Protein backbone atom coordinates (compact mmCIF):
# COMPACT_ATOMS: atom_id res chain seq x y z
CA MET A 1 -61.71 0.84 -107.22
CA SER A 2 -62.76 2.97 -104.24
CA LYS A 3 -65.06 5.95 -104.74
CA ARG A 4 -63.41 9.38 -104.69
CA ILE A 5 -64.97 12.14 -102.62
CA LEU A 6 -64.13 15.85 -102.47
CA VAL A 7 -64.83 17.58 -99.13
CA VAL A 8 -65.19 21.38 -99.33
CA ASP A 9 -65.52 23.37 -96.08
CA ASP A 10 -63.88 26.51 -94.73
CA ASP A 11 -64.10 25.09 -91.18
CA GLU A 12 -60.94 23.05 -90.68
CA ARG A 13 -62.36 20.97 -87.82
CA MET A 14 -65.45 20.01 -89.81
CA ARG A 15 -63.35 19.26 -92.88
CA SER A 16 -61.01 17.06 -90.86
CA PHE A 17 -63.92 15.22 -89.18
CA LEU A 18 -65.63 14.46 -92.49
CA SER A 19 -62.40 13.31 -94.12
CA SER A 20 -61.55 11.05 -91.19
CA VAL A 21 -64.95 9.31 -91.24
CA LEU A 22 -64.81 8.85 -95.00
CA ARG A 23 -61.27 7.44 -95.03
CA GLU A 24 -62.28 4.92 -92.36
CA GLU A 25 -64.98 3.75 -94.78
CA GLY A 26 -62.36 3.16 -97.49
CA TYR A 27 -63.14 6.16 -99.69
CA GLY A 28 -60.47 8.18 -101.45
CA VAL A 29 -60.73 11.72 -100.03
CA GLU A 30 -59.46 15.13 -101.08
CA GLU A 31 -60.04 18.37 -99.18
CA ALA A 32 -60.61 21.95 -100.28
CA ARG A 33 -60.63 24.97 -97.93
CA ASN A 34 -63.11 27.03 -99.92
CA GLY A 35 -65.31 27.03 -103.02
CA THR A 36 -62.66 28.42 -105.35
CA GLU A 37 -60.16 25.73 -104.38
CA GLY A 38 -62.92 23.10 -104.59
CA LEU A 39 -63.85 24.16 -108.12
CA ALA A 40 -60.20 24.00 -109.22
CA LYS A 41 -59.80 20.47 -107.82
CA LEU A 42 -63.10 19.37 -109.35
CA SER A 43 -62.04 20.64 -112.76
CA GLY A 44 -58.69 18.87 -112.58
CA ALA A 45 -59.63 15.39 -111.32
CA ASP A 46 -62.44 12.82 -111.32
CA PHE A 47 -64.70 12.57 -108.28
CA ASP A 48 -67.83 10.52 -107.63
CA LEU A 49 -69.20 12.82 -104.93
CA VAL A 50 -68.72 16.32 -103.54
CA ILE A 51 -69.67 17.15 -99.95
CA THR A 52 -69.71 20.90 -99.41
CA ASP A 53 -70.80 23.36 -96.77
CA LEU A 54 -73.61 25.59 -97.97
CA ARG A 55 -72.28 28.79 -96.37
CA MET A 56 -68.69 29.74 -97.24
CA PRO A 57 -67.19 33.24 -97.52
CA ASP A 58 -65.82 33.28 -101.07
CA MET A 59 -68.32 31.07 -102.87
CA SER A 60 -71.45 29.40 -101.49
CA GLY A 61 -71.94 25.67 -101.74
CA LEU A 62 -74.87 26.29 -104.08
CA ALA A 63 -72.76 28.45 -106.41
CA LEU A 64 -69.99 25.83 -106.29
CA MET A 65 -72.46 23.10 -107.26
CA GLN A 66 -73.90 25.15 -110.12
CA GLU A 67 -70.42 25.82 -111.54
CA GLY A 68 -69.17 22.32 -110.76
CA LYS A 69 -72.03 20.69 -112.66
CA LYS A 70 -70.89 22.47 -115.81
CA ALA A 71 -67.48 20.83 -115.57
CA ARG A 72 -68.57 17.47 -114.09
CA PRO A 73 -72.28 16.86 -114.78
CA ASP A 74 -72.15 13.24 -113.51
CA VAL A 75 -70.78 14.08 -110.04
CA ARG A 76 -73.22 13.77 -107.10
CA TRP A 77 -73.58 16.51 -104.49
CA ILE A 78 -74.40 16.51 -100.77
CA LEU A 79 -74.73 19.91 -99.10
CA ILE A 80 -74.20 20.63 -95.40
CA THR A 81 -76.23 23.32 -93.68
CA ALA A 82 -76.99 24.49 -90.18
CA TYR A 83 -80.20 23.14 -88.65
CA GLY A 84 -81.94 26.49 -88.91
CA SER A 85 -81.25 26.86 -92.65
CA ILE A 86 -82.94 23.75 -94.02
CA GLY A 87 -84.91 25.89 -96.47
CA ASN A 88 -81.67 26.71 -98.26
CA ALA A 89 -80.83 23.01 -98.51
CA VAL A 90 -84.22 22.27 -100.02
CA GLU A 91 -83.53 24.94 -102.65
CA ALA A 92 -80.18 23.28 -103.31
CA MET A 93 -81.90 19.93 -103.88
CA LYS A 94 -84.23 21.54 -106.37
CA ALA A 95 -81.11 22.80 -108.14
CA GLY A 96 -79.70 19.26 -108.40
CA ALA A 97 -78.20 18.18 -105.05
CA SER A 98 -78.71 14.50 -104.22
CA ASP A 99 -79.22 15.14 -100.49
CA TYR A 100 -78.28 17.39 -97.60
CA LEU A 101 -77.00 17.00 -94.03
CA THR A 102 -77.66 19.26 -91.07
CA LYS A 103 -75.00 20.16 -88.54
CA PRO A 104 -74.13 19.53 -85.85
CA PHE A 105 -74.18 15.81 -86.72
CA ARG A 106 -75.94 13.66 -84.19
CA ASP A 107 -74.14 10.50 -85.22
CA PRO A 108 -71.38 9.67 -87.77
CA ASP A 109 -73.60 6.75 -88.86
CA GLU A 110 -76.03 9.30 -90.29
CA LEU A 111 -73.23 10.63 -92.48
CA ARG A 112 -72.20 7.10 -93.53
CA HIS A 113 -75.77 6.15 -94.37
CA VAL A 114 -76.51 9.19 -96.53
CA ILE A 115 -73.22 8.99 -98.43
CA GLY A 116 -73.58 5.23 -98.98
CA ARG A 117 -77.13 5.64 -100.28
CA VAL A 118 -76.25 8.48 -102.67
CA LEU A 119 -73.31 6.54 -104.12
CA ARG A 120 -75.35 3.34 -104.49
CA GLU A 121 -78.12 5.29 -106.20
CA ALA A 122 -75.60 6.85 -108.59
CA GLU A 123 -74.16 3.44 -109.41
CA ALA A 124 -77.63 2.00 -110.03
CA GLU A 125 -78.55 4.86 -112.37
CA THR A 126 -75.28 4.39 -114.26
CA LYS A 127 -76.05 0.69 -114.70
CA ILE A 128 -79.54 1.52 -115.96
CA SER A 129 -78.06 3.98 -118.44
CA LEU A 130 -75.45 1.48 -119.66
CA LEU A 131 -78.06 -1.26 -119.93
CA SER A 132 -80.29 1.08 -121.90
CA GLU A 133 -77.42 1.80 -124.31
CA GLU A 134 -76.62 -1.91 -124.64
CA LEU A 135 -80.23 -2.78 -125.37
CA GLY A 136 -80.32 0.01 -127.90
CA ARG A 137 -77.40 -1.58 -129.74
CA GLN A 138 -79.21 -4.93 -129.78
CA PHE A 139 -82.43 -3.58 -131.25
CA PRO A 140 -82.94 -4.01 -135.00
CA ALA A 141 -82.55 -1.10 -137.38
CA ALA A 142 -85.62 0.97 -138.21
CA GLU A 143 -85.71 -0.59 -141.70
CA THR A 144 -86.26 -4.00 -140.07
CA ILE A 145 -88.82 -2.77 -137.55
CA PHE A 146 -90.97 -1.19 -140.29
CA LEU A 147 -90.80 -4.08 -142.78
CA GLY A 148 -93.97 -4.61 -144.82
CA ASP A 149 -96.41 -2.32 -146.58
CA LYS A 150 -98.77 -2.31 -143.59
CA MET A 151 -96.12 -0.58 -141.46
CA GLU A 152 -95.69 2.41 -143.79
CA GLN A 153 -98.37 4.43 -142.01
CA ALA A 154 -96.76 3.70 -138.62
CA ARG A 155 -93.36 4.73 -140.00
CA LYS A 156 -94.76 8.05 -141.24
CA LEU A 157 -96.46 8.78 -137.91
CA VAL A 158 -93.29 7.95 -135.95
CA ASN A 159 -91.19 10.26 -138.12
CA ASP A 160 -93.76 13.05 -137.72
CA VAL A 161 -94.11 12.85 -133.93
CA ALA A 162 -90.57 11.93 -132.83
CA PRO A 163 -89.09 15.49 -132.96
CA THR A 164 -91.95 16.86 -130.82
CA PRO A 165 -92.56 16.56 -127.04
CA THR A 166 -96.07 15.14 -127.67
CA THR A 167 -97.37 12.19 -125.64
CA VAL A 168 -97.82 9.07 -127.80
CA LEU A 169 -100.12 6.06 -127.35
CA VAL A 170 -99.03 2.93 -129.25
CA THR A 171 -101.71 0.27 -129.66
CA GLY A 172 -101.58 -3.26 -131.01
CA GLN A 173 -101.68 -6.92 -130.09
CA SER A 174 -99.09 -8.43 -127.75
CA GLY A 175 -95.82 -9.04 -129.55
CA THR A 176 -96.30 -6.50 -132.35
CA GLY A 177 -93.28 -4.44 -131.29
CA LYS A 178 -94.76 -1.56 -129.31
CA GLU A 179 -91.62 -1.10 -127.20
CA LEU A 180 -89.46 -1.03 -130.33
CA ILE A 181 -91.63 1.76 -131.72
CA ALA A 182 -91.28 3.68 -128.44
CA ARG A 183 -87.50 3.36 -128.64
CA VAL A 184 -87.43 4.56 -132.25
CA ILE A 185 -89.45 7.61 -131.20
CA HIS A 186 -86.91 8.26 -128.43
CA ASP A 187 -83.89 7.73 -130.70
CA LEU A 188 -85.26 10.13 -133.33
CA SER A 189 -86.12 12.80 -130.76
CA PRO A 190 -84.04 15.65 -129.26
CA ARG A 191 -84.02 13.54 -126.06
CA ARG A 192 -81.95 10.75 -127.60
CA LYS A 193 -79.02 11.43 -125.24
CA GLY A 194 -81.32 11.15 -122.22
CA ALA A 195 -82.47 7.91 -120.62
CA PHE A 196 -85.05 5.59 -122.14
CA VAL A 197 -86.81 4.00 -119.15
CA ALA A 198 -89.34 1.22 -119.70
CA VAL A 199 -91.95 0.20 -117.12
CA HIS A 200 -94.04 -2.93 -117.68
CA CYS A 201 -97.09 -1.94 -115.69
CA ALA A 202 -98.86 -5.33 -115.71
CA ALA A 203 -95.89 -7.05 -114.07
CA LEU A 204 -96.20 -5.16 -110.76
CA ALA A 205 -98.84 -5.10 -108.03
CA GLU A 206 -100.58 -1.76 -107.42
CA ASN A 207 -98.53 -0.76 -104.36
CA LEU A 208 -95.25 -1.78 -106.01
CA LEU A 209 -96.11 -0.01 -109.27
CA GLU A 210 -96.73 3.29 -107.49
CA SER A 211 -93.34 3.07 -105.76
CA GLU A 212 -91.67 1.97 -109.02
CA LEU A 213 -93.09 4.92 -110.94
CA PHE A 214 -92.81 7.69 -108.36
CA GLY A 215 -90.23 6.42 -105.83
CA HIS A 216 -90.62 6.37 -102.06
CA GLU A 217 -89.23 7.99 -98.95
CA ARG A 218 -87.47 6.12 -96.18
CA GLY A 219 -89.94 4.47 -93.78
CA SER A 220 -92.94 5.06 -96.06
CA PHE A 221 -93.80 1.35 -95.86
CA THR A 222 -92.39 -1.89 -94.45
CA GLY A 223 -89.08 -2.59 -96.16
CA ALA A 224 -88.47 1.01 -97.26
CA VAL A 225 -85.15 1.26 -95.41
CA ALA A 226 -83.93 4.09 -97.64
CA ALA A 227 -85.37 6.70 -99.96
CA ARG A 228 -85.51 5.63 -103.59
CA LYS A 229 -86.02 7.45 -106.87
CA GLY A 230 -88.82 6.26 -109.13
CA ARG A 231 -88.73 5.66 -112.87
CA PHE A 232 -90.06 9.13 -113.64
CA GLU A 233 -87.08 10.71 -111.88
CA LEU A 234 -84.67 8.34 -113.62
CA ALA A 235 -86.21 9.33 -116.96
CA ASP A 236 -85.84 13.07 -116.32
CA GLY A 237 -84.59 14.65 -119.54
CA GLY A 238 -85.45 11.51 -121.51
CA THR A 239 -88.39 9.25 -122.32
CA ILE A 240 -90.48 6.97 -120.13
CA PHE A 241 -92.27 4.06 -121.78
CA LEU A 242 -95.37 2.79 -119.95
CA ASP A 243 -96.15 -0.64 -121.37
CA GLU A 244 -99.59 -2.20 -120.80
CA VAL A 245 -100.85 1.09 -119.40
CA GLY A 246 -104.39 -0.30 -119.51
CA GLU A 247 -103.52 -2.52 -116.52
CA ILE A 248 -102.86 0.41 -114.14
CA SER A 249 -105.25 0.63 -111.20
CA THR A 250 -107.56 3.63 -110.87
CA ALA A 251 -105.63 4.84 -107.80
CA VAL A 252 -102.35 5.01 -109.74
CA GLN A 253 -104.17 6.48 -112.74
CA VAL A 254 -104.93 9.57 -110.64
CA LYS A 255 -101.22 10.16 -109.94
CA LEU A 256 -100.30 9.47 -113.54
CA LEU A 257 -102.88 12.02 -114.71
CA ARG A 258 -101.25 14.67 -112.53
CA VAL A 259 -97.82 13.93 -114.02
CA LEU A 260 -99.24 14.31 -117.50
CA GLN A 261 -100.93 17.59 -116.60
CA GLU A 262 -98.32 19.24 -114.38
CA ARG A 263 -95.14 17.17 -114.80
CA GLU A 264 -94.79 16.84 -111.02
CA PHE A 265 -95.57 14.32 -108.28
CA GLU A 266 -94.64 13.26 -104.74
CA ARG A 267 -92.81 10.09 -103.79
CA VAL A 268 -94.75 7.53 -101.77
CA GLY A 269 -94.69 8.82 -98.20
CA GLY A 270 -93.24 12.16 -99.30
CA MET A 271 -94.47 15.74 -99.02
CA ARG A 272 -92.10 17.48 -101.45
CA SER A 273 -93.29 17.94 -105.05
CA ILE A 274 -90.77 16.71 -107.59
CA SER A 275 -90.76 18.22 -111.08
CA VAL A 276 -89.57 16.23 -114.08
CA ASP A 277 -89.06 16.87 -117.77
CA VAL A 278 -90.05 13.60 -119.46
CA ARG A 279 -91.56 12.51 -122.74
CA ILE A 280 -94.27 9.88 -122.19
CA VAL A 281 -94.91 7.04 -124.62
CA ALA A 282 -97.60 4.60 -123.48
CA ALA A 283 -98.69 1.30 -125.01
CA THR A 284 -101.60 -1.07 -124.62
CA ASN A 285 -103.11 -4.14 -126.25
CA LYS A 286 -106.53 -3.19 -124.87
CA ASP A 287 -109.25 -1.03 -126.35
CA LEU A 288 -109.06 1.86 -123.89
CA LYS A 289 -112.35 3.29 -125.14
CA GLU A 290 -114.03 0.08 -124.00
CA GLU A 291 -112.12 0.25 -120.70
CA VAL A 292 -113.39 3.80 -120.19
CA ALA A 293 -116.96 2.74 -120.96
CA ALA A 294 -116.63 -0.11 -118.46
CA GLY A 295 -115.38 2.28 -115.76
CA ARG A 296 -111.97 0.64 -115.48
CA PHE A 297 -109.98 3.50 -117.03
CA ARG A 298 -110.31 7.23 -116.41
CA GLU A 299 -111.68 9.14 -119.39
CA ASP A 300 -109.55 12.24 -118.67
CA LEU A 301 -106.39 10.08 -118.52
CA TYR A 302 -107.33 8.37 -121.78
CA TYR A 303 -107.55 11.71 -123.58
CA ARG A 304 -104.24 12.85 -122.05
CA LEU A 305 -102.52 9.68 -123.29
CA ASN A 306 -104.23 9.46 -126.65
CA VAL A 307 -102.87 12.75 -127.98
CA PHE A 308 -101.04 11.04 -130.84
CA PRO A 309 -102.16 7.43 -131.41
CA ILE A 310 -100.12 4.95 -133.46
CA ALA A 311 -101.80 1.60 -134.25
CA LEU A 312 -99.57 -1.38 -135.13
CA PRO A 313 -100.84 -4.17 -137.41
CA SER A 314 -100.59 -7.82 -136.39
CA LEU A 315 -97.97 -10.02 -138.06
CA ALA A 316 -100.82 -11.89 -139.80
CA GLU A 317 -101.57 -8.57 -141.57
CA ARG A 318 -97.91 -8.19 -142.55
CA ARG A 319 -97.46 -11.33 -144.66
CA ASP A 320 -94.79 -9.64 -146.78
CA ALA A 321 -92.69 -9.04 -143.67
CA ILE A 322 -92.73 -12.58 -142.21
CA PHE A 323 -89.84 -14.06 -144.20
CA PRO A 324 -87.56 -10.96 -144.07
CA LEU A 325 -88.08 -10.82 -140.29
CA ALA A 326 -87.35 -14.54 -139.98
CA ALA A 327 -84.13 -14.05 -141.98
CA TYR A 328 -83.12 -11.18 -139.66
CA PHE A 329 -83.69 -13.31 -136.53
CA LEU A 330 -81.82 -16.24 -138.11
CA LYS A 331 -78.74 -14.08 -138.69
CA LYS A 332 -78.96 -12.60 -135.18
CA PHE A 333 -79.30 -15.89 -133.28
CA ALA A 334 -76.85 -17.84 -135.44
CA ALA A 335 -74.20 -15.23 -134.65
CA ALA A 336 -75.09 -15.34 -130.95
CA VAL A 337 -74.59 -19.12 -130.67
CA GLY A 338 -71.71 -19.29 -133.17
CA LYS A 339 -73.44 -21.51 -135.73
CA SER A 340 -73.37 -21.37 -139.52
CA ILE A 341 -76.92 -21.73 -140.84
CA ALA A 342 -77.37 -21.55 -144.61
CA GLY A 343 -80.97 -20.36 -144.47
CA PHE A 344 -84.46 -21.85 -144.72
CA SER A 345 -85.59 -24.83 -146.75
CA PRO A 346 -88.56 -24.31 -149.11
CA GLY A 347 -90.73 -26.27 -146.66
CA ALA A 348 -89.66 -24.06 -143.77
CA ARG A 349 -90.40 -20.90 -145.74
CA LEU A 350 -93.87 -22.21 -146.65
CA ALA A 351 -94.58 -23.08 -143.00
CA LEU A 352 -93.49 -19.61 -141.87
CA GLU A 353 -95.64 -17.80 -144.41
CA ASN A 354 -98.77 -19.91 -143.82
CA TYR A 355 -98.75 -19.83 -140.04
CA PRO A 356 -101.20 -17.35 -138.37
CA TRP A 357 -98.70 -16.04 -135.76
CA PRO A 358 -101.02 -15.38 -132.79
CA GLY A 359 -98.01 -14.21 -130.79
CA ASN A 360 -96.91 -11.87 -133.60
CA VAL A 361 -93.28 -10.79 -134.04
CA ARG A 362 -92.32 -11.93 -130.54
CA GLU A 363 -93.55 -15.45 -131.31
CA LEU A 364 -91.67 -15.44 -134.63
CA GLN A 365 -88.48 -14.44 -132.80
CA ASN A 366 -88.88 -17.25 -130.26
CA VAL A 367 -89.60 -19.83 -132.99
CA ILE A 368 -86.48 -18.86 -134.95
CA GLU A 369 -84.30 -18.84 -131.82
CA ARG A 370 -85.40 -22.40 -131.03
CA ALA A 371 -84.97 -23.48 -134.67
CA VAL A 372 -81.39 -22.15 -134.80
CA ILE A 373 -80.52 -24.28 -131.78
CA LEU A 374 -82.03 -27.41 -133.36
CA ALA A 375 -80.89 -26.97 -136.98
CA ARG A 376 -77.78 -28.27 -138.71
CA GLY A 377 -76.88 -26.66 -142.03
CA GLU A 378 -80.29 -25.13 -142.75
CA ILE A 379 -83.62 -24.67 -140.98
CA ASP A 380 -86.28 -27.14 -142.09
CA ALA A 381 -90.01 -27.16 -141.32
CA LYS A 382 -89.51 -29.79 -138.61
CA HIS A 383 -87.27 -27.36 -136.66
CA LEU A 384 -90.08 -24.78 -136.64
CA ASN A 385 -92.81 -27.14 -135.41
CA LEU A 386 -95.44 -25.07 -137.23
CA GLU A 387 -97.60 -27.70 -138.94
CA PRO A 388 -100.34 -26.19 -141.12
CA ILE A 389 -103.85 -26.83 -139.81
CA SER A 390 -106.45 -28.03 -142.29
CA ALA A 391 -110.08 -27.07 -141.69
CA PRO A 392 -113.31 -26.76 -143.68
CA PRO A 393 -114.08 -23.33 -145.20
CA VAL A 394 -115.18 -20.96 -142.45
CA PRO A 395 -114.97 -17.19 -141.91
CA ALA A 396 -111.38 -15.87 -141.66
CA GLU A 397 -111.81 -14.86 -138.01
CA SER A 398 -112.83 -18.42 -137.11
CA VAL A 399 -109.80 -19.81 -138.96
CA LEU A 400 -107.48 -17.59 -136.93
CA LYS A 401 -109.13 -18.62 -133.68
CA ALA A 402 -108.99 -22.29 -134.60
CA ASN A 403 -105.32 -21.97 -135.51
CA GLU A 404 -104.61 -20.09 -132.30
CA ARG A 405 -106.40 -22.72 -130.19
CA GLU A 406 -104.49 -25.57 -131.82
CA THR A 407 -101.17 -23.76 -131.48
CA ILE A 408 -101.73 -23.09 -127.79
CA ARG A 409 -102.75 -26.72 -127.24
CA LYS A 410 -99.58 -27.98 -128.93
CA VAL A 411 -97.31 -25.66 -126.97
CA LEU A 412 -98.99 -26.61 -123.68
CA ASP A 413 -98.48 -30.27 -124.51
CA ALA A 414 -94.85 -29.70 -125.46
CA SER A 415 -94.18 -27.80 -122.22
CA GLY A 416 -95.85 -30.44 -120.05
CA GLY A 417 -98.62 -28.06 -119.06
CA ASN A 418 -96.17 -25.44 -117.72
CA ARG A 419 -98.08 -22.23 -118.44
CA LYS A 420 -95.19 -19.84 -117.80
CA GLN A 421 -92.97 -21.75 -120.22
CA ALA A 422 -95.78 -21.96 -122.78
CA ALA A 423 -96.40 -18.21 -122.58
CA ARG A 424 -92.69 -17.53 -123.13
CA ILE A 425 -92.58 -19.83 -126.18
CA LEU A 426 -95.70 -18.23 -127.65
CA GLY A 427 -94.38 -14.74 -126.94
CA ILE A 428 -97.47 -13.66 -125.03
CA SER A 429 -98.06 -12.68 -121.40
CA LEU A 430 -99.11 -15.29 -118.85
CA ARG A 431 -102.32 -13.34 -118.29
CA THR A 432 -103.16 -13.49 -122.02
CA LEU A 433 -102.43 -17.23 -122.11
CA GLN A 434 -104.67 -17.88 -119.12
CA TYR A 435 -107.45 -15.92 -120.78
CA ARG A 436 -107.07 -17.92 -124.01
CA ILE A 437 -107.05 -21.25 -122.11
CA LYS A 438 -110.35 -20.31 -120.50
CA GLU A 439 -111.82 -18.96 -123.75
CA TYR A 440 -110.94 -22.10 -125.73
CA GLY A 441 -111.77 -24.54 -122.96
CA LEU A 442 -108.26 -26.04 -122.90
């Protein structure tokens, strides 16, 4: 279905020119001779974009946009202004316009490019929003997330902080469910109707992370063929989740500190300050105090992030939650693949409860997903591949390390030495796996 565009301009020649160019591009176009007529058409039909002149006799383009947003908040706006009145267009962008054009137009291609970019950006943001909603439906209920006595303190803290705008720092080992906690905070907050935008900081190189977080302007670096909004802009009015925040470089930390202090930033290559209203939830599996002491993390940023800390226990500390979580994942994955699985055999239950779970809840999820695929009727211990490891009496910490080493060795063997595949099976990051391989001499 073609995009529908409303063109509002009191100049008939300009209106006709714009409409002609847009129809040639395959857009559905309607025209309005002034702001009053444009507002009436906008209220009575669906449009993806409004292009309006800024200066009109009965109602300015800015006033039209402000009124139009009340009726159609999802519609995008491009304002047209004379070359000498760019300051007015900048004000309009601060008020919510996606872009502006100056007349006279030098080239119709400029018009095509700006309109195409704004519509593509709108479509991308819609997809992100829909994906966020879909993921939200797939996440377990809060009762499942907070299973086990050790999670009661985390549950209380989440309920206390969620209604506030306070910045939260969630700490815990990889796979303990830090992103799930961030989403619960968002869903219990007044921002629940806004976007929940997650950024996995360790997955991006420094230059890419800066662009991902703050966006970039056209031509700001090789490959930047168009301006692009960053995750902070996409999260405006909602929550941004910064996972593995301890991996951010010191250069990006400076920009992040400014956002926390002033709630504004510039895009890469940009000069205009952009203000956002976002709630920040950060997460890390590192000890940020140690990172500060080592000079790898800014102390002022640490204190800005650590306003309300929530520490998550490992799955090994939540023994009472292991089997209920396994039962939840069994039901979820059996439904997904259309299989009828009766449950767990006594041997399987014993293996689940005695295993140290170095990869925490994420590892448990992956183990059950694999077991559901292999099992017929019920899940047995052989489907889990979690053989108990016997060892002479040693301190508990050494037992966990020995179990972890043996588990990693087995998974590496099973995956033919493929580290990426092994990390996915274990439910840990590739970086963590590589560190463990070096530590254990594997």
